[in-house]
PDB file of N, CA and C in Angstrom:
ATOM      1  N   MET A   1       0.835  -1.173   0.024  1.00  0.00           N
ATOM      2  CA  MET A   1       0.012   0.024   0.033  1.00  0.00           C
ATOM      3  C   MET A   1       0.898   1.202   0.029  1.00  0.00           C
ATOM      4  N   SER A   2       0.663   2.220  -0.897  1.00  0.00           N
ATOM      5  CA  SER A   2       1.488   3.380  -0.904  1.00  0.00           C
ATOM      6  C   SER A   2       1.117   4.350   0.136  1.00  0.00           C
ATOM      7  N   ASP A   3       1.965   5.345   0.349  1.00  0.00           N
ATOM      8  CA  ASP A   3       1.729   6.393   1.442  1.00  0.00           C
ATOM      9  C   ASP A   3       0.430   7.190   1.155  1.00  0.00           C
ATOM     10  N   SER A   4       0.066   7.263  -0.081  1.00  0.00           N
ATOM     11  CA  SER A   4      -1.111   8.202  -0.475  1.00  0.00           C
ATOM     12  C   SER A   4      -2.392   7.440  -0.263  1.00  0.00           C
ATOM     13  N   GLU A   5      -2.381   6.162  -0.057  1.00  0.00           N
ATOM     14  CA  GLU A   5      -3.630   5.355   0.187  1.00  0.00           C
ATOM     15  C   GLU A   5      -3.920   5.320   1.665  1.00  0.00           C
ATOM     16  N   SER A   6      -5.187   5.467   2.024  1.00  0.00           N
ATOM     17  CA  SER A   6      -5.609   5.333   3.412  1.00  0.00           C
ATOM     18  C   SER A   6      -5.845   3.897   3.697  1.00  0.00           C
ATOM     19  N   PRO A   7      -5.510   3.500   4.980  1.00  0.00           N
ATOM     20  CA  PRO A   7      -5.730   2.047   5.370  1.00  0.00           C
ATOM     21  C   PRO A   7      -7.171   1.542   5.074  1.00  0.00           C
ATOM     22  N   ALA A   8      -8.117   2.387   5.101  1.00  0.00           N
ATOM     23  CA  ALA A   8      -9.557   2.031   4.935  1.00  0.00           C
ATOM     24  C   ALA A   8      -9.846   1.561   3.492  1.00  0.00           C
ATOM     25  N   THR A   9      -8.883   1.847   2.558  1.00  0.00           N
ATOM     26  CA  THR A   9      -9.211   1.453   1.127  1.00  0.00           C
ATOM     27  C   THR A   9      -8.859   0.023   0.880  1.00  0.00           C
ATOM     28  N   HIS A  10      -8.312  -0.631   1.777  1.00  0.00           N
ATOM     29  CA  HIS A  10      -7.912  -2.129   1.549  1.00  0.00           C
ATOM     30  C   HIS A  10      -8.451  -2.928   2.643  1.00  0.00           C
ATOM     31  N   ASP A  11      -8.817  -4.132   2.338  1.00  0.00           N
ATOM     32  CA  ASP A  11      -9.255  -5.047   3.419  1.00  0.00           C
ATOM     33  C   ASP A  11      -7.974  -5.952   3.789  1.00  0.00           C
ATOM     34  N   GLY A  12      -8.152  -6.968   4.616  1.00  0.00           N
ATOM     35  CA  GLY A  12      -7.073  -7.867   5.030  1.00  0.00           C
ATOM     36  C   GLY A  12      -6.424  -8.617   3.890  1.00  0.00           C
ATOM     37  N   ASN A  13      -7.172  -8.777   2.843  1.00  0.00           N
ATOM     38  CA  ASN A  13      -6.561  -9.572   1.739  1.00  0.00           C
ATOM     39  C   ASN A  13      -5.899  -8.732   0.679  1.00  0.00           C
ATOM     40  N   ASP A  14      -5.614  -7.489   1.021  1.00  0.00           N
ATOM     41  CA  ASP A  14      -4.955  -6.545   0.094  1.00  0.00           C
ATOM     42  C   ASP A  14      -5.833  -6.322  -1.165  1.00  0.00           C
ATOM     43  N   ARG A  15      -7.090  -6.395  -0.978  1.00  0.00           N
ATOM     44  CA  ARG A  15      -8.033  -6.018  -2.119  1.00  0.00           C
ATOM     45  C   ARG A  15      -8.669  -4.678  -1.742  1.00  0.00           C
ATOM     46  N   PRO A  16      -9.051  -3.935  -2.699  1.00  0.00           N
ATOM     47  CA  PRO A  16      -9.724  -2.605  -2.342  1.00  0.00           C
ATOM     48  C   PRO A  16     -10.984  -2.973  -1.549  1.00  0.00           C
ATOM     49  N   ALA A  17     -11.254  -2.178  -0.574  1.00  0.00           N
ATOM     50  CA  ALA A  17     -12.473  -2.300   0.243  1.00  0.00           C
ATOM     51  C   ALA A  17     -13.681  -1.885  -0.485  1.00  0.00           C
ATOM     52  N   ASP A  18     -14.832  -2.393  -0.176  1.00  0.00           N
ATOM     53  CA  ASP A  18     -16.093  -2.081  -0.735  1.00  0.00           C
ATOM     54  C   ASP A  18     -16.502  -0.618  -0.313  1.00  0.00           C
ATOM     55  N   LEU A  19     -16.412   0.392  -1.127  1.00  0.00           N
ATOM     56  CA  LEU A  19     -16.716   1.719  -0.826  1.00  0.00           C
ATOM     57  C   LEU A  19     -17.973   2.294  -1.510  1.00  0.00           C
ATOM     58  N   ARG A  20     -18.820   1.468  -1.888  1.00  0.00           N
ATOM     59  CA  ARG A  20     -20.071   1.856  -2.689  1.00  0.00           C
ATOM     60  C   ARG A  20     -21.035   2.602  -1.803  1.00  0.00           C
ATOM     61  N   LEU A  21     -21.608   3.491  -2.356  1.00  0.00           N
ATOM     62  CA  LEU A  21     -22.680   4.313  -1.602  1.00  0.00           C
ATOM     63  C   LEU A  21     -23.940   4.133  -2.378  1.00  0.00           C
ATOM     64  N   TYR A  22     -25.078   4.141  -1.676  1.00  0.00           N
ATOM     65  CA  TYR A  22     -26.432   3.986  -2.229  1.00  0.00           C
ATOM     66  C   TYR A  22     -27.302   5.172  -1.856  1.00  0.00           C
ATOM     67  N   ILE A  23     -28.163   5.655  -2.755  1.00  0.00           N
ATOM     68  CA  ILE A  23     -29.077   6.676  -2.509  1.00  0.00           C
ATOM     69  C   ILE A  23     -30.433   5.989  -2.391  1.00  0.00           C
ATOM     70  N   PRO A  24     -31.009   5.869  -1.199  1.00  0.00           N
ATOM     71  CA  PRO A  24     -32.344   5.150  -1.051  1.00  0.00           C
ATOM     72  C   PRO A  24     -33.425   5.919  -1.735  1.00  0.00           C
ATOM     73  N   GLU A  25     -33.392   7.185  -2.066  1.00  0.00           N
ATOM     74  CA  GLU A  25     -34.440   7.908  -2.744  1.00  0.00           C
ATOM     75  C   GLU A  25     -33.880   8.541  -4.033  1.00  0.00           C
ATOM     76  N   PRO A  26     -33.505   7.762  -5.026  1.00  0.00           N
ATOM     77  CA  PRO A  26     -32.909   8.305  -6.221  1.00  0.00           C
ATOM     78  C   PRO A  26     -33.823   9.152  -7.105  1.00  0.00           C
ATOM     79  N   GLN A  27     -35.130   9.095  -6.793  1.00  0.00           N
ATOM     80  CA  GLN A  27     -35.994   9.982  -7.452  1.00  0.00           C
ATOM     81  C   GLN A  27     -36.011  11.431  -6.921  1.00  0.00           C
ATOM     82  N   VAL A  28     -35.436  11.596  -5.682  1.00  0.00           N
ATOM     83  CA  VAL A  28     -35.293  12.874  -5.105  1.00  0.00           C
ATOM     84  C   VAL A  28     -33.899  13.463  -5.197  1.00  0.00           C
ATOM     85  N   TRP A  29     -32.870  12.609  -5.156  1.00  0.00           N
ATOM     86  CA  TRP A  29     -31.456  13.042  -5.084  1.00  0.00           C
ATOM     87  C   TRP A  29     -30.672  12.535  -6.348  1.00  0.00           C
ATOM     88  N   THR A  30     -29.830  13.352  -6.937  1.00  0.00           N
ATOM     89  CA  THR A  30     -28.934  13.076  -7.992  1.00  0.00           C
ATOM     90  C   THR A  30     -27.497  13.238  -7.684  1.00  0.00           C
ATOM     91  N   ALA A  31     -26.646  12.326  -7.974  1.00  0.00           N
ATOM     92  CA  ALA A  31     -25.226  12.440  -7.704  1.00  0.00           C
ATOM     93  C   ALA A  31     -24.631  13.304  -8.897  1.00  0.00           C
ATOM     94  N   ARG A  32     -23.799  14.226  -8.449  1.00  0.00           N
ATOM     95  CA  ARG A  32     -23.180  15.141  -9.481  1.00  0.00           C
ATOM     96  C   ARG A  32     -21.692  15.328  -9.171  1.00  0.00           C
ATOM     97  N   VAL A  33     -20.899  15.828 -10.107  1.00  0.00           N
ATOM     98  CA  VAL A  33     -19.548  16.181  -9.907  1.00  0.00           C
ATOM     99  C   VAL A  33     -19.431  17.654 -10.105  1.00  0.00           C
ATOM    100  N   LYS A  34     -18.800  18.331  -9.124  1.00  0.00           N
ATOM    101  CA  LYS A  34     -18.575  19.791  -9.195  1.00  0.00           C
ATOM    102  C   LYS A  34     -17.509  20.041 -10.225  1.00  0.00           C
ATOM    103  N   ILE A  35     -17.793  20.820 -11.250  1.00  0.00           N
ATOM    104  CA  ILE A  35     -16.843  21.199 -12.249  1.00  0.00           C
ATOM    105  C   ILE A  35     -16.628  22.682 -12.192  1.00  0.00           C
ATOM    106  N   GLY A  36     -15.382  23.120 -12.098  1.00  0.00           N
ATOM    107  CA  GLY A  36     -15.050  24.545 -12.032  1.00  0.00           C
ATOM    108  C   GLY A  36     -14.856  24.991 -10.696  1.00  0.00           C
ATOM    109  N   TRP A  37     -14.284  26.243 -10.603  1.00  0.00           N
ATOM    110  CA  TRP A  37     -13.944  26.814  -9.276  1.00  0.00           C
ATOM    111  C   TRP A  37     -14.933  27.904  -8.804  1.00  0.00           C
ATOM    112  N   ASP A  38     -16.156  28.013  -9.418  1.00  0.00           N
ATOM    113  CA  ASP A  38     -17.171  28.903  -8.902  1.00  0.00           C
ATOM    114  C   ASP A  38     -17.507  28.504  -7.460  1.00  0.00           C
ATOM    115  N   LYS A  39     -17.744  29.477  -6.661  1.00  0.00           N
ATOM    116  CA  LYS A  39     -18.109  29.153  -5.216  1.00  0.00           C
ATOM    117  C   LYS A  39     -19.531  28.573  -5.150  1.00  0.00           C
ATOM    118  N   GLU A  40     -19.595  27.320  -4.796  1.00  0.00           N
ATOM    119  CA  GLU A  40     -20.861  26.647  -4.489  1.00  0.00           C
ATOM    120  C   GLU A  40     -20.720  25.947  -3.174  1.00  0.00           C
ATOM    121  N   TYR A  41     -21.792  25.874  -2.313  1.00  0.00           N
ATOM    122  CA  TYR A  41     -21.627  25.452  -0.983  1.00  0.00           C
ATOM    123  C   TYR A  41     -22.578  24.269  -0.727  1.00  0.00           C
ATOM    124  N   CYS A  42     -22.093  23.459   0.212  1.00  0.00           N
ATOM    125  CA  CYS A  42     -22.918  22.359   0.796  1.00  0.00           C
ATOM    126  C   CYS A  42     -23.887  23.094   1.667  1.00  0.00           C
ATOM    127  N   TYR A  43     -25.210  22.626   1.613  1.00  0.00           N
ATOM    128  CA  TYR A  43     -26.257  23.371   2.276  1.00  0.00           C
ATOM    129  C   TYR A  43     -26.443  22.927   3.724  1.00  0.00           C
ATOM    130  N   ALA A  44     -25.544  22.139   4.233  1.00  0.00           N
ATOM    131  CA  ALA A  44     -25.641  21.760   5.613  1.00  0.00           C
ATOM    132  C   ALA A  44     -24.313  22.187   6.353  1.00  0.00           C
ATOM    133  N   LYS A  45     -24.437  22.416   7.575  1.00  0.00           N
ATOM    134  CA  LYS A  45     -23.351  22.834   8.404  1.00  0.00           C
ATOM    135  C   LYS A  45     -22.823  21.640   9.176  1.00  0.00           C
ATOM    136  N   LEU A  46     -21.471  21.519   9.156  1.00  0.00           N
ATOM    137  CA  LEU A  46     -20.940  20.410  10.016  1.00  0.00           C
ATOM    138  C   LEU A  46     -21.089  20.752  11.529  1.00  0.00           C
ATOM    139  N   PRO A  47     -21.210  19.630  12.347  1.00  0.00           N
ATOM    140  CA  PRO A  47     -21.449  19.885  13.690  1.00  0.00           C
ATOM    141  C   PRO A  47     -20.294  20.800  14.376  1.00  0.00           C
ATOM    142  N   GLY A  48     -20.707  21.763  15.096  1.00  0.00           N
ATOM    143  CA  GLY A  48     -19.727  22.694  15.706  1.00  0.00           C
ATOM    144  C   GLY A  48     -19.380  23.894  14.795  1.00  0.00           C
ATOM    145  N   GLN A  49     -19.935  23.939  13.583  1.00  0.00           N
ATOM    146  CA  GLN A  49     -19.543  25.050  12.689  1.00  0.00           C
ATOM    147  C   GLN A  49     -20.790  25.907  12.502  1.00  0.00           C
ATOM    148  N   ASP A  50     -20.595  27.148  12.274  1.00  0.00           N
ATOM    149  CA  ASP A  50     -21.657  28.071  12.064  1.00  0.00           C
ATOM    150  C   ASP A  50     -21.675  28.686  10.618  1.00  0.00           C
ATOM    151  N   TYR A  51     -21.024  27.991   9.707  1.00  0.00           N
ATOM    152  CA  TYR A  51     -20.885  28.440   8.356  1.00  0.00           C
ATOM    153  C   TYR A  51     -21.075  27.199   7.422  1.00  0.00           C
ATOM    154  N   LEU A  52     -21.469  27.573   6.155  1.00  0.00           N
ATOM    155  CA  LEU A  52     -21.454  26.534   5.171  1.00  0.00           C
ATOM    156  C   LEU A  52     -20.160  26.269   4.568  1.00  0.00           C
ATOM    157  N   HIS A  53     -19.749  25.077   4.086  1.00  0.00           N
ATOM    158  CA  HIS A  53     -18.486  24.771   3.570  1.00  0.00           C
ATOM    159  C   HIS A  53     -18.584  24.600   2.045  1.00  0.00           C
ATOM    160  N   LEU A  54     -17.407  24.901   1.344  1.00  0.00           N
ATOM    161  CA  LEU A  54     -17.387  24.913  -0.104  1.00  0.00           C
ATOM    162  C   LEU A  54     -17.346  23.502  -0.665  1.00  0.00           C
ATOM    163  N   LEU A  55     -17.919  23.372  -1.916  1.00  0.00           N
ATOM    164  CA  LEU A  55     -17.748  22.222  -2.665  1.00  0.00           C
ATOM    165  C   LEU A  55     -16.577  22.540  -3.562  1.00  0.00           C
ATOM    166  N   LEU A  56     -15.650  21.567  -3.723  1.00  0.00           N
ATOM    167  CA  LEU A  56     -14.469  21.851  -4.552  1.00  0.00           C
ATOM    168  C   LEU A  56     -14.529  21.239  -5.957  1.00  0.00           C
ATOM    169  N   ASN A  57     -13.720  21.773  -6.837  1.00  0.00           N
ATOM    170  CA  ASN A  57     -13.706  21.179  -8.226  1.00  0.00           C
ATOM    171  C   ASN A  57     -13.356  19.700  -8.123  1.00  0.00           C
ATOM    172  N   GLY A  58     -14.193  18.938  -8.804  1.00  0.00           N
ATOM    173  CA  GLY A  58     -13.958  17.476  -8.832  1.00  0.00           C
ATOM    174  C   GLY A  58     -14.686  16.752  -7.748  1.00  0.00           C
ATOM    175  N   GLU A  59     -15.288  17.420  -6.765  1.00  0.00           N
ATOM    176  CA  GLU A  59     -15.948  16.820  -5.637  1.00  0.00           C
ATOM    177  C   GLU A  59     -17.264  16.255  -6.011  1.00  0.00           C
ATOM    178  N   ILE A  60     -17.648  15.033  -5.617  1.00  0.00           N
ATOM    179  CA  ILE A  60     -18.904  14.480  -5.850  1.00  0.00           C
ATOM    180  C   ILE A  60     -19.808  14.878  -4.760  1.00  0.00           C
ATOM    181  N   PHE A  61     -21.027  15.272  -5.179  1.00  0.00           N
ATOM    182  CA  PHE A  61     -22.041  15.822  -4.210  1.00  0.00           C
ATOM    183  C   PHE A  61     -23.399  15.378  -4.684  1.00  0.00           C
ATOM    184  N   LEU A  62     -24.357  15.525  -3.798  1.00  0.00           N
ATOM    185  CA  LEU A  62     -25.710  15.207  -4.122  1.00  0.00           C
ATOM    186  C   LEU A  62     -26.570  16.474  -4.257  1.00  0.00           C
ATOM    187  N   GLU A  63     -27.504  16.390  -5.173  1.00  0.00           N
ATOM    188  CA  GLU A  63     -28.305  17.588  -5.479  1.00  0.00           C
ATOM    189  C   GLU A  63     -29.791  17.146  -5.503  1.00  0.00           C
ATOM    190  N   SER A  64     -30.566  17.924  -4.805  1.00  0.00           N
ATOM    191  CA  SER A  64     -32.069  17.791  -4.994  1.00  0.00           C
ATOM    192  C   SER A  64     -32.584  19.068  -5.604  1.00  0.00           C
ATOM    193  N   ARG A  65     -33.810  19.205  -5.678  1.00  0.00           N
ATOM    194  CA  ARG A  65     -34.411  20.390  -6.279  1.00  0.00           C
ATOM    195  C   ARG A  65     -33.940  21.657  -5.650  1.00  0.00           C
ATOM    196  N   ASP A  66     -33.772  21.661  -4.368  1.00  0.00           N
ATOM    197  CA  ASP A  66     -33.437  22.925  -3.635  1.00  0.00           C
ATOM    198  C   ASP A  66     -32.252  22.961  -2.787  1.00  0.00           C
ATOM    199  N   GLU A  67     -31.474  21.909  -2.814  1.00  0.00           N
ATOM    200  CA  GLU A  67     -30.237  21.870  -2.012  1.00  0.00           C
ATOM    201  C   GLU A  67     -29.156  20.948  -2.489  1.00  0.00           C
ATOM    202  N   ARG A  68     -27.969  21.212  -2.070  1.00  0.00           N
ATOM    203  CA  ARG A  68     -26.754  20.413  -2.354  1.00  0.00           C
ATOM    204  C   ARG A  68     -26.097  19.917  -1.166  1.00  0.00           C
ATOM    205  N   LEU A  69     -25.588  18.639  -1.146  1.00  0.00           N
ATOM    206  CA  LEU A  69     -24.965  18.150   0.061  1.00  0.00           C
ATOM    207  C   LEU A  69     -23.623  17.529  -0.394  1.00  0.00           C
ATOM    208  N   CYS A  70     -22.597  17.763   0.455  1.00  0.00           N
ATOM    209  CA  CYS A  70     -21.331  16.959   0.223  1.00  0.00           C
ATOM    210  C   CYS A  70     -21.596  15.583   0.692  1.00  0.00           C
ATOM    211  N   LEU A  71     -20.767  14.655   0.321  1.00  0.00           N
ATOM    212  CA  LEU A  71     -20.984  13.216   0.747  1.00  0.00           C
ATOM    213  C   LEU A  71     -21.010  13.077   2.219  1.00  0.00           C
ATOM    214  N   THR A  72     -20.116  13.813   2.941  1.00  0.00           N
ATOM    215  CA  THR A  72     -20.004  13.730   4.387  1.00  0.00           C
ATOM    216  C   THR A  72     -21.326  14.073   5.011  1.00  0.00           C
ATOM    217  N   CYS A  73     -21.922  15.181   4.614  1.00  0.00           N
ATOM    218  CA  CYS A  73     -23.177  15.640   5.141  1.00  0.00           C
ATOM    219  C   CYS A  73     -24.395  14.681   4.747  1.00  0.00           C
ATOM    220  N   ALA A  74     -24.309  14.206   3.523  1.00  0.00           N
ATOM    221  CA  ALA A  74     -25.347  13.289   2.980  1.00  0.00           C
ATOM    222  C   ALA A  74     -25.343  12.058   3.828  1.00  0.00           C
ATOM    223  N   VAL A  75     -24.225  11.478   4.105  1.00  0.00           N
ATOM    224  CA  VAL A  75     -24.153  10.214   4.965  1.00  0.00           C
ATOM    225  C   VAL A  75     -24.657  10.587   6.362  1.00  0.00           C
ATOM    226  N   ARG A  76     -24.149  11.707   6.943  1.00  0.00           N
ATOM    227  CA  ARG A  76     -24.618  12.119   8.279  1.00  0.00           C
ATOM    228  C   ARG A  76     -26.162  12.330   8.390  1.00  0.00           C
ATOM    229  N   ARG A  77     -26.716  12.797   7.326  1.00  0.00           N
ATOM    230  CA  ARG A  77     -28.239  13.017   7.370  1.00  0.00           C
ATOM    231  C   ARG A  77     -29.030  11.813   6.901  1.00  0.00           C
ATOM    232  N   GLY A  78     -28.351  10.773   6.467  1.00  0.00           N
ATOM    233  CA  GLY A  78     -28.968   9.584   6.065  1.00  0.00           C
ATOM    234  C   GLY A  78     -29.576   9.629   4.589  1.00  0.00           C
ATOM    235  N   VAL A  79     -29.046  10.597   3.864  1.00  0.00           N
ATOM    236  CA  VAL A  79     -29.514  10.654   2.379  1.00  0.00           C
ATOM    237  C   VAL A  79     -28.766   9.594   1.623  1.00  0.00           C
ATOM    238  N   VAL A  80     -27.611   9.295   2.038  1.00  0.00           N
ATOM    239  CA  VAL A  80     -26.744   8.251   1.424  1.00  0.00           C
ATOM    240  C   VAL A  80     -26.434   7.215   2.406  1.00  0.00           C
ATOM    241  N   THR A  81     -26.405   5.978   2.084  1.00  0.00           N
ATOM    242  CA  THR A  81     -25.979   4.876   2.952  1.00  0.00           C
ATOM    243  C   THR A  81     -24.889   4.032   2.334  1.00  0.00           C
ATOM    244  N   MET A  82     -24.127   3.306   3.131  1.00  0.00           N
ATOM    245  CA  MET A  82     -23.194   2.329   2.700  1.00  0.00           C
ATOM    246  C   MET A  82     -23.871   0.899   2.877  1.00  0.00           C
ATOM    247  N   ASP A  83     -25.000   0.806   3.417  1.00  0.00           N
ATOM    248  CA  ASP A  83     -25.788  -0.367   3.612  1.00  0.00           C
ATOM    249  C   ASP A  83     -26.274  -0.988   2.283  1.00  0.00           C
ATOM    250  N   ARG A  84     -25.682  -2.041   1.742  1.00  0.00           N
ATOM    251  CA  ARG A  84     -25.996  -2.585   0.475  1.00  0.00           C
ATOM    252  C   ARG A  84     -27.507  -3.106   0.521  1.00  0.00           C
ATOM    253  N   LEU A  85     -27.930  -3.489   1.599  1.00  0.00           N
ATOM    254  CA  LEU A  85     -29.297  -4.038   1.794  1.00  0.00           C
ATOM    255  C   LEU A  85     -30.247  -3.028   2.306  1.00  0.00           C
ATOM    256  N   TYR A  86     -30.043  -1.761   2.047  1.00  0.00           N
ATOM    257  CA  TYR A  86     -30.891  -0.666   2.568  1.00  0.00           C
ATOM    258  C   TYR A  86     -32.309  -0.907   2.211  1.00  0.00           C
ATOM    259  N   TRP A  87     -32.604  -1.440   1.051  1.00  0.00           N
ATOM    260  CA  TRP A  87     -33.971  -1.703   0.523  1.00  0.00           C
ATOM    261  C   TRP A  87     -34.627  -2.711   1.411  1.00  0.00           C
ATOM    262  N   GLN A  88     -33.932  -3.642   2.030  1.00  0.00           N
ATOM    263  CA  GLN A  88     -34.511  -4.683   2.900  1.00  0.00           C
ATOM    264  C   GLN A  88     -34.681  -4.164   4.348  1.00  0.00           C
ATOM    265  N   ASN A  89     -33.777  -3.294   4.756  1.00  0.00           N
ATOM    266  CA  ASN A  89     -33.712  -2.840   6.137  1.00  0.00           C
ATOM    267  C   ASN A  89     -34.643  -1.691   6.519  1.00  0.00           C
ATOM    268  N   ARG A  90     -35.187  -0.979   5.507  1.00  0.00           N
ATOM    269  CA  ARG A  90     -36.137   0.149   5.903  1.00  0.00           C
ATOM    270  C   ARG A  90     -37.490  -0.392   6.160  1.00  0.00           C
ATOM    271  N   PRO A  91     -38.293   0.350   6.914  1.00  0.00           N
ATOM    272  CA  PRO A  91     -39.724  -0.149   7.190  1.00  0.00           C
ATOM    273  C   PRO A  91     -40.487  -0.270   5.998  1.00  0.00           C
ATOM    274  N   ARG A  92     -41.269  -1.354   5.889  1.00  0.00           N
ATOM    275  CA  ARG A  92     -42.227  -1.619   4.788  1.00  0.00           C
ATOM    276  C   ARG A  92     -43.538  -0.854   5.043  1.00  0.00           C
ATOM    277  N   ILE A  93     -44.161  -0.441   4.032  1.00  0.00           N
ATOM    278  CA  ILE A  93     -45.460   0.253   4.208  1.00  0.00           C
ATOM    279  C   ILE A  93     -46.478  -0.521   5.018  1.00  0.00           C
ATOM    280  N   ALA A  94     -46.516  -1.825   4.736  1.00  0.00           N
ATOM    281  CA  ALA A  94     -47.537  -2.747   5.440  1.00  0.00           C
ATOM    282  C   ALA A  94     -47.086  -2.882   6.850  1.00  0.00           C
ATOM    283  N   SER A  95     -45.850  -2.637   7.293  1.00  0.00           N
ATOM    284  CA  SER A  95     -45.444  -2.839   8.661  1.00  0.00           C
ATOM    285  C   SER A  95     -45.546  -1.621   9.535  1.00  0.00           C
ATOM    286  N   ILE A  96     -45.817  -0.445   8.829  1.00  0.00           N
ATOM    287  CA  ILE A  96     -45.976   0.769   9.623  1.00  0.00           C
ATOM    288  C   ILE A  96     -47.395   0.852  10.072  1.00  0.00           C
ATOM    289  N   PRO A  97     -47.570   0.973  11.465  1.00  0.00           N
ATOM    290  CA  PRO A  97     -48.869   1.006  12.031  1.00  0.00           C
ATOM    291  C   PRO A  97     -49.768   2.243  11.614  1.00  0.00           C
ATOM    292  N   VAL A  98     -50.992   2.039  11.371  1.00  0.00           N
ATOM    293  CA  VAL A  98     -51.913   3.061  10.997  1.00  0.00           C
ATOM    294  C   VAL A  98     -52.623   3.498  12.255  1.00  0.00           C
ATOM    295  N   VAL A  99     -52.544   4.757  12.587  1.00  0.00           N
ATOM    296  CA  VAL A  99     -53.122   5.242  13.818  1.00  0.00           C
ATOM    297  C   VAL A  99     -54.394   6.090  13.447  1.00  0.00           C
ATOM    298  N   GLY A 100     -55.440   5.948  14.207  1.00  0.00           N
ATOM    299  CA  GLY A 100     -56.573   6.793  14.115  1.00  0.00           C
ATOM    300  C   GLY A 100     -57.616   6.169  13.144  1.00  0.00           C
ATOM    301  N   LEU A 101     -57.627   4.928  12.855  1.00  0.00           N
ATOM    302  CA  LEU A 101     -58.634   4.288  11.985  1.00  0.00           C
ATOM    303  C   LEU A 101     -59.496   3.418  12.676  1.00  0.00           C
TER     304      LEU A 101
END
């Protein structure tokens, strides 16, 4: 492993680790790549910060109709998951109790 690679990018068998991300609501969010150096911001603030942070040229981010999120904020807010079985692990409509009927 070279000095520029982080240890998290390889598993014990010296293979690249599985770093896939999933968007459980792809009809709401679109993955994009920031191109250019115009100032564009992630619309979420990191914990302990009182300002928005920049998206950098070449950075992958998520965009919905009215907001942009860097991948760190998207994972923190649950917009993106690393859980490959997210579609099995979320509540099913039939299992959500109906109240007031």
